[in-house]
Protein backbone atom coordinates (compact mmCIF):
# COMPACT_ATOMS: atom_id res chain seq x y z
CA MET A 1 84.92 157.81 -72.28
CA LYS A 2 84.10 157.83 -68.29
CA LYS A 3 80.26 158.97 -69.00
CA ILE A 4 80.46 155.06 -70.77
CA VAL A 5 81.62 153.50 -67.59
CA LEU A 6 79.60 155.54 -65.25
CA ILE A 7 76.47 154.76 -67.67
CA LEU A 8 77.30 150.92 -67.68
CA ILE A 9 77.60 150.31 -63.98
CA LEU A 10 74.83 152.16 -63.36
CA ILE A 11 72.27 149.98 -65.97
CA VAL A 12 74.35 147.08 -64.26
CA SER A 13 73.34 147.71 -60.95
CA ILE A 14 70.12 148.47 -62.08
CA GLY A 15 69.55 144.98 -63.41
CA THR A 16 70.80 143.62 -60.65
CA ILE A 17 68.45 144.60 -58.64
CA ALA A 18 65.72 144.31 -60.75
CA GLN A 19 66.76 140.44 -61.10
CA GLU A 20 66.07 140.20 -57.30
CA SER A 21 63.30 139.02 -57.08
CA ASP A 22 61.02 135.93 -53.98
CA TYR A 23 60.67 133.13 -56.82
CA ALA A 24 62.40 129.83 -55.86
CA VAL A 25 64.99 130.39 -58.96
CA SER A 26 67.82 128.03 -59.32
CA SER A 27 70.33 127.67 -61.61
CA TYR A 28 70.95 124.25 -64.06
CA PHE A 29 74.86 126.25 -64.63
CA ASP A 30 75.60 125.78 -61.53
CA GLU A 31 78.42 122.79 -60.86
CA GLY A 32 76.55 122.20 -57.31
CA PHE A 33 78.20 120.36 -54.73
CA LYS A 34 81.00 117.75 -55.12
CA ALA A 35 79.30 114.45 -54.19
CA PRO A 36 81.63 112.37 -51.00
CA ASN A 37 83.02 109.24 -52.30
CA THR A 38 80.74 107.11 -50.49
CA HIS A 39 78.86 104.83 -53.47
CA TYR A 40 81.37 105.50 -55.90
CA ILE A 41 84.67 105.78 -57.39
CA GLY A 42 86.09 108.78 -58.73
CA GLU A 43 84.84 112.50 -58.98
CA ALA A 44 80.81 113.55 -58.85
CA TRP A 45 79.62 116.85 -58.71
CA LEU A 46 76.09 117.20 -57.85
CA ASN A 47 73.66 119.94 -58.27
CA ARG A 48 69.82 119.78 -56.99
CA ILE A 49 67.67 121.46 -59.05
CA LEU A 50 64.85 120.49 -58.03
CA GLN A 51 63.66 118.97 -54.34
CA ASP A 52 61.03 116.48 -53.81
CA GLU A 53 58.45 118.30 -51.49
CA GLU A 54 55.01 118.38 -50.28
CA ASP A 55 53.13 119.94 -54.51
CA LEU A 56 56.65 118.18 -56.49
CA SER A 57 56.61 114.87 -56.16
CA TYR A 58 59.82 114.12 -57.88
CA ASN A 59 63.54 115.69 -57.41
CA VAL A 60 65.51 116.97 -60.21
CA VAL A 61 69.17 116.46 -60.55
CA LYS A 62 72.31 117.63 -62.45
CA ALA A 63 74.64 115.29 -61.57
CA THR A 64 78.43 115.09 -63.50
CA PHE A 65 80.35 112.69 -63.72
CA LYS A 66 85.05 112.81 -64.10
CA ALA A 67 85.76 110.57 -66.47
CA ASN A 68 86.93 107.05 -64.98
CA SER A 69 84.81 107.39 -62.51
CA THR A 70 82.09 104.48 -61.21
CA LEU A 71 78.61 104.49 -59.37
CA ASP A 72 77.66 101.48 -57.53
CA TRP A 73 74.64 99.82 -58.16
CA HIS A 74 71.58 100.96 -56.75
CA LYS A 75 67.70 100.92 -57.10
CA HIS A 76 64.66 103.55 -56.30
CA GLY A 77 61.39 102.66 -55.80
CA THR A 78 60.05 104.84 -58.85
CA PRO A 79 61.28 104.86 -61.93
CA GLN A 80 64.18 107.15 -62.86
CA VAL A 81 64.75 109.05 -65.95
CA LEU A 82 68.09 109.79 -66.71
CA ILE A 83 68.35 112.66 -69.64
CA ILE A 84 72.00 112.42 -71.48
CA VAL A 85 72.85 116.94 -71.47
CA GLU A 86 76.45 115.95 -72.17
CA GLY A 87 79.41 113.57 -72.68
CA ILE A 88 79.38 110.06 -72.62
CA GLY A 89 78.92 107.41 -70.02
CA TYR A 90 77.82 103.77 -69.57
CA TYR A 91 73.98 102.40 -67.99
CA GLN A 92 73.31 98.72 -67.42
CA GLU A 93 70.63 96.85 -65.58
CA LYS A 94 71.53 93.69 -64.11
CA GLY A 95 71.18 90.80 -65.38
CA LYS A 96 71.44 92.72 -68.89
CA GLU A 97 74.22 93.76 -71.57
CA PRO A 98 75.16 97.59 -70.80
CA TYR A 99 75.06 100.34 -72.86
CA LEU A 100 76.71 103.13 -73.96
CA MET A 101 74.80 106.39 -73.49
CA LYS A 102 75.10 109.12 -74.68
CA THR A 103 74.50 113.38 -75.57
CA GLY A 104 71.01 113.14 -76.20
CA ASP A 105 69.94 110.06 -75.25
CA ILE A 106 66.96 109.85 -72.57
CA ILE A 107 66.85 106.06 -70.33
CA LYS A 108 63.99 105.40 -68.26
CA CYS A 109 64.92 102.89 -65.82
CA PRO A 110 61.90 101.07 -63.98
CA ARG A 111 61.28 101.19 -60.30
CA ASN A 112 63.09 98.53 -57.87
CA THR A 113 65.54 98.54 -61.00
CA GLU A 114 69.36 97.72 -59.87
CA HIS A 115 71.01 99.55 -61.88
CA TRP A 116 74.10 101.81 -62.47
CA HIS A 117 75.13 104.73 -64.55
CA PRO A 118 79.03 106.13 -64.73
CA SER A 119 80.58 108.64 -66.86
CA SER A 120 82.60 106.52 -69.91
CA LYS A 121 86.12 105.38 -68.88
CA ASP A 122 87.76 108.25 -71.29
CA ASN A 123 84.67 110.66 -71.00
CA ASP A 124 83.22 113.17 -68.90
CA VAL A 125 78.86 112.58 -68.80
CA THR A 126 76.25 115.04 -67.14
CA TYR A 127 73.23 114.09 -66.96
CA LEU A 128 69.91 115.29 -65.65
CA ALA A 129 68.18 112.49 -63.44
CA LEU A 130 64.56 112.43 -62.36
CA TYR A 131 62.92 110.16 -59.20
CA SER A 132 61.36 111.13 -56.21
CA GLY A 133 62.65 111.64 -53.45
CA LYS A 134 60.06 110.28 -51.14
CA ILE A 135 61.46 106.64 -51.48
CA PRO A 136 65.85 106.60 -50.22
CA THR A 137 68.02 105.36 -52.93
CA GLU A 138 68.61 102.01 -52.15
CA TRP A 139 72.78 100.63 -52.41
CA THR A 140 72.07 96.64 -53.29
CA ALA A 141 76.62 96.82 -53.79
CA VAL A 142 79.63 98.12 -54.68
CA VAL A 143 80.96 97.99 -58.56
CA SER A 144 84.54 96.94 -58.72
CA GLN A 145 87.16 99.09 -59.96
CA GLU A 146 88.02 96.03 -62.46
CA TYR A 147 84.07 95.10 -63.20
CA TYR A 148 83.41 99.45 -64.62
CA ASP A 149 87.39 98.71 -66.49
CA ALA A 150 85.79 94.89 -68.04
CA VAL A 151 82.04 97.41 -68.98
CA ALA A 152 84.73 99.96 -69.95
CA GLU A 153 86.33 97.24 -72.79
CA LYS A 154 83.17 95.80 -73.44
CA LEU A 155 81.71 98.74 -75.21
CA LYS A 156 85.43 100.52 -76.17
CA ASN A 157 84.59 100.29 -79.74
CA LYS A 158 80.72 101.23 -80.13
């Protein structure tokens, strides 16, 4: 039994050494950091998977909003793509009806379009957000708890 444990430890150690590299590797599974409550109410986690750099012209951010978390109205100077990987949330562009986004949805938001995309009232949502980081996000208006609650009520049975 001691020999088996020793062999397993040796295999794991060699595997760990073999995994060390000079590659730029990040993990989708990393929870990221808890975002400061600047442009939302509730709890949000962000994992900056890829960052806009010299040879990469977009960001890929994994965002997880816990249930009943809002997000303020904002817009981007480039198109944004949201890939909903888990959960249920809301998506709305200014002047349009809100949409119940769910696992598997892919939403393209045109450049300079005011929008918001939080979790739903009862469910967390995790999505990948793809957009350029060269132009900062412009936060345009606060989403009040009352407005969020009204959207939740409207989409409740969809």
